[in-house]
Amino acid sequence: MTTLTGLSHDQLVKSGRPLAAVLAELSDFVGLLPVIGYNLRFDEAFLLNALQRVGQARWPNKMIDVKPNVMKAEPFLDNFKLSTVLKQYGGVNEQPHQALSDARATLRLADKLIEGGALKL
């Protein structure tokens, strides 16, 4: 985990917060807006597992994965890793695998896809 995210077990123990509280805050923040992500099924599976573990209900939000839109718009890319796709669209992810940085990069990508007509919300 540390190699991928830069977060250590000690950091999580020292600075982490209870999962149920964080999920409730995130739900309040998102409200009923759609959740947009890249390769979203991966993140959605973690979210659903976490909600189940703490006994919270599944979110009713629409989940929108931009990866299929990229695959349709750019079928000849070497691969569809977020870093590859961001390069294609002139974007960058300052800190890959960090939640906030990934979210910001995905938002910029979604904006470019919307501007180019490859994504409609």
C-alpha atoms as a PDB file:
ATOM      1  CA  MET A   1       0.000   0.000   0.000  1.00  0.00           C
ATOM      2  CA  THR A   2       2.755   2.484   0.910  1.00  0.00           C
ATOM      3  CA  THR A   3       4.487   2.078  -2.448  1.00  0.00           C
ATOM      4  CA  LEU A   4       1.289   2.773  -4.391  1.00  0.00           C
ATOM      5  CA  THR A   5      -0.289   5.546  -2.302  1.00  0.00           C
ATOM      6  CA  GLY A   6       2.546   6.917  -0.179  1.00  0.00           C
ATOM      7  CA  LEU A   7       0.439   6.272   2.930  1.00  0.00           C
ATOM      8  CA  SER A   8       1.872   4.123   5.685  1.00  0.00           C
ATOM      9  CA  HIS A   9       0.002   2.010   8.201  1.00  0.00           C
ATOM     10  CA  ASP A  10       1.312   4.292  10.971  1.00  0.00           C
ATOM     11  CA  GLN A  11      -0.097   7.364   9.197  1.00  0.00           C
ATOM     12  CA  LEU A  12      -3.497   5.721   8.943  1.00  0.00           C
ATOM     13  CA  VAL A  13      -3.453   4.745  12.609  1.00  0.00           C
ATOM     14  CA  LYS A  14      -2.336   8.233  13.689  1.00  0.00           C
ATOM     15  CA  SER A  15      -4.397  10.399  11.341  1.00  0.00           C
ATOM     16  CA  GLY A  16      -7.141   8.091  10.078  1.00  0.00           C
ATOM     17  CA  ARG A  17     -10.770   8.489  11.016  1.00  0.00           C
ATOM     18  CA  PRO A  18     -13.541   5.941  11.522  1.00  0.00           C
ATOM     19  CA  LEU A  19     -14.791   4.595   8.203  1.00  0.00           C
ATOM     20  CA  ALA A  20     -18.475   5.070   9.063  1.00  0.00           C
ATOM     21  CA  ALA A  21     -17.948   8.756   9.858  1.00  0.00           C
ATOM     22  CA  VAL A  22     -15.956   9.417   6.696  1.00  0.00           C
ATOM     23  CA  LEU A  23     -18.508   7.641   4.505  1.00  0.00           C
ATOM     24  CA  ALA A  24     -21.356   9.622   6.073  1.00  0.00           C
ATOM     25  CA  GLU A  25     -19.486  12.902   5.462  1.00  0.00           C
ATOM     26  CA  LEU A  26     -18.726  11.923   1.891  1.00  0.00           C
ATOM     27  CA  SER A  27     -22.373  11.042   1.312  1.00  0.00           C
ATOM     28  CA  ASP A  28     -23.437  14.422   2.690  1.00  0.00           C
ATOM     29  CA  PHE A  29     -20.903  16.179   0.469  1.00  0.00           C
ATOM     30  CA  VAL A  30     -21.947  14.344  -2.712  1.00  0.00           C
ATOM     31  CA  GLY A  31     -25.653  14.523  -1.970  1.00  0.00           C
ATOM     32  CA  LEU A  32     -27.661  13.183  -4.900  1.00  0.00           C
ATOM     33  CA  LEU A  33     -25.253  14.403  -7.584  1.00  0.00           C
ATOM     34  CA  PRO A  34     -23.819  11.853  -9.988  1.00  0.00           C
ATOM     35  CA  VAL A  35     -20.453  10.349  -9.099  1.00  0.00           C
ATOM     36  CA  ILE A  36     -18.013  10.607 -11.998  1.00  0.00           C
ATOM     37  CA  GLY A  37     -14.786   8.634 -12.148  1.00  0.00           C
ATOM     38  CA  TYR A  38     -12.280   6.889 -14.352  1.00  0.00           C
ATOM     39  CA  ASN A  39     -12.500   3.097 -14.327  1.00  0.00           C
ATOM     40  CA  LEU A  40     -15.207   3.736 -11.764  1.00  0.00           C
ATOM     41  CA  ARG A  41     -16.188   0.118 -11.230  1.00  0.00           C
ATOM     42  CA  PHE A  42     -12.919  -0.363  -9.360  1.00  0.00           C
ATOM     43  CA  ASP A  43     -13.689   2.487  -6.934  1.00  0.00           C
ATOM     44  CA  GLU A  44     -17.375   1.660  -6.773  1.00  0.00           C
ATOM     45  CA  ALA A  45     -16.544  -1.857  -5.580  1.00  0.00           C
ATOM     46  CA  PHE A  46     -14.451  -0.428  -2.716  1.00  0.00           C
ATOM     47  CA  LEU A  47     -17.206   2.037  -1.847  1.00  0.00           C
ATOM     48  CA  LEU A  48     -19.931  -0.614  -1.828  1.00  0.00           C
ATOM     49  CA  ASN A  49     -17.784  -2.931   0.288  1.00  0.00           C
ATOM     50  CA  ALA A  50     -17.077  -0.152   2.769  1.00  0.00           C
ATOM     51  CA  LEU A  51     -20.742   0.845   3.013  1.00  0.00           C
ATOM     52  CA  GLN A  52     -21.702  -2.766   3.620  1.00  0.00           C
ATOM     53  CA  ARG A  53     -18.995  -3.218   6.266  1.00  0.00           C
ATOM     54  CA  VAL A  54     -20.313  -0.300   8.328  1.00  0.00           C
ATOM     55  CA  GLY A  55     -23.982  -1.062   7.720  1.00  0.00           C
ATOM     56  CA  GLN A  56     -24.749   2.017   5.610  1.00  0.00           C
ATOM     57  CA  ALA A  57     -27.116   1.893   2.653  1.00  0.00           C
ATOM     58  CA  ARG A  58     -25.925   1.839  -0.933  1.00  0.00           C
ATOM     59  CA  TRP A  59     -25.915   5.312  -2.449  1.00  0.00           C
ATOM     60  CA  PRO A  60     -28.688   6.080  -4.940  1.00  0.00           C
ATOM     61  CA  ASN A  61     -26.346   8.258  -7.023  1.00  0.00           C
ATOM     62  CA  LYS A  62     -25.886   7.685 -10.722  1.00  0.00           C
ATOM     63  CA  MET A  63     -22.351   6.401 -11.353  1.00  0.00           C
ATOM     64  CA  ILE A  64     -20.704   7.677 -14.538  1.00  0.00           C
ATOM     65  CA  ASP A  65     -17.489   6.066 -15.741  1.00  0.00           C
ATOM     66  CA  VAL A  66     -15.650   8.210 -18.293  1.00  0.00           C
ATOM     67  CA  LYS A  67     -13.317   5.374 -19.381  1.00  0.00           C
ATOM     68  CA  PRO A  68     -15.821   3.804 -21.835  1.00  0.00           C
ATOM     69  CA  ASN A  69     -16.292   7.244 -23.400  1.00  0.00           C
ATOM     70  CA  VAL A  70     -12.529   7.574 -23.869  1.00  0.00           C
ATOM     71  CA  MET A  71     -12.338   4.079 -25.344  1.00  0.00           C
ATOM     72  CA  LYS A  72     -15.002   5.017 -27.877  1.00  0.00           C
ATOM     73  CA  ALA A  73     -13.478   8.426 -28.689  1.00  0.00           C
ATOM     74  CA  GLU A  74      -9.850   7.225 -28.808  1.00  0.00           C
ATOM     75  CA  PRO A  75      -9.933   3.560 -29.901  1.00  0.00           C
ATOM     76  CA  PHE A  76      -6.310   3.521 -31.048  1.00  0.00           C
ATOM     77  CA  LEU A  77      -4.566   4.509 -27.818  1.00  0.00           C
ATOM     78  CA  ASP A  78      -1.818   2.095 -26.744  1.00  0.00           C
ATOM     79  CA  ASN A  79      -3.671   1.520 -23.471  1.00  0.00           C
ATOM     80  CA  PHE A  80      -6.361   3.159 -21.400  1.00  0.00           C
ATOM     81  CA  LYS A  81      -4.478   3.819 -18.174  1.00  0.00           C
ATOM     82  CA  LEU A  82      -5.462   7.181 -16.747  1.00  0.00           C
ATOM     83  CA  SER A  83      -1.906   8.493 -17.241  1.00  0.00           C
ATOM     84  CA  THR A  84      -1.980   7.565 -20.944  1.00  0.00           C
ATOM     85  CA  VAL A  85      -5.390   9.112 -21.464  1.00  0.00           C
ATOM     86  CA  LEU A  86      -4.401  12.296 -19.647  1.00  0.00           C
ATOM     87  CA  LYS A  87      -1.385  12.684 -21.959  1.00  0.00           C
ATOM     88  CA  GLN A  88      -3.681  12.305 -24.976  1.00  0.00           C
ATOM     89  CA  TYR A  89      -5.902  15.095 -23.662  1.00  0.00           C
ATOM     90  CA  GLY A  90      -3.082  17.343 -22.465  1.00  0.00           C
ATOM     91  CA  GLY A  91      -3.742  16.672 -18.798  1.00  0.00           C
ATOM     92  CA  VAL A  92      -1.542  15.628 -15.918  1.00  0.00           C
ATOM     93  CA  ASN A  93      -2.012  13.999 -12.561  1.00  0.00           C
ATOM     94  CA  GLU A  94       0.435  15.575 -10.118  1.00  0.00           C
ATOM     95  CA  GLN A  95       0.204  12.745  -7.567  1.00  0.00           C
ATOM     96  CA  PRO A  96      -1.113   9.528  -9.132  1.00  0.00           C
ATOM     97  CA  HIS A  97      -2.979   7.210  -6.747  1.00  0.00           C
ATOM     98  CA  GLN A  98      -3.689  10.048  -4.318  1.00  0.00           C
ATOM     99  CA  ALA A  99      -7.457  10.454  -4.058  1.00  0.00           C
ATOM    100  CA  LEU A 100      -7.665  14.232  -4.418  1.00  0.00           C
ATOM    101  CA  SER A 101      -5.137  14.382  -7.255  1.00  0.00           C
ATOM    102  CA  ASP A 102      -6.858  11.514  -9.090  1.00  0.00           C
ATOM    103  CA  ALA A 103     -10.235  13.221  -8.651  1.00  0.00           C
ATOM    104  CA  ARG A 104      -8.952  16.546  -9.967  1.00  0.00           C
ATOM    105  CA  ALA A 105      -7.297  14.908 -12.976  1.00  0.00           C
ATOM    106  CA  THR A 106     -10.477  12.962 -13.726  1.00  0.00           C
ATOM    107  CA  LEU A 107     -12.564  16.134 -13.457  1.00  0.00           C
ATOM    108  CA  ARG A 108     -10.299  17.922 -15.956  1.00  0.00           C
ATOM    109  CA  LEU A 109     -10.526  14.911 -18.270  1.00  0.00           C
ATOM    110  CA  ALA A 110     -14.319  14.809 -17.976  1.00  0.00           C
ATOM    111  CA  ASP A 111     -14.469  18.532 -18.778  1.00  0.00           C
ATOM    112  CA  LYS A 112     -12.380  17.971 -21.923  1.00  0.00           C
ATOM    113  CA  LEU A 113     -14.580  15.041 -22.953  1.00  0.00           C
ATOM    114  CA  ILE A 114     -17.701  17.155 -22.454  1.00  0.00           C
ATOM    115  CA  GLU A 115     -16.179  20.036 -24.450  1.00  0.00           C
ATOM    116  CA  GLY A 116     -15.310  17.628 -27.270  1.00  0.00           C
ATOM    117  CA  GLY A 117     -18.749  16.014 -27.230  1.00  0.00           C
ATOM    118  CA  ALA A 118     -17.468  12.574 -26.142  1.00  0.00           C
ATOM    119  CA  LEU A 119     -19.235  12.726 -22.763  1.00  0.00           C
ATOM    120  CA  LYS A 120     -22.747  13.869 -22.001  1.00  0.00           C
ATOM    121  CA  LEU A 121     -24.087  14.043 -18.467  1.00  0.00           C
END
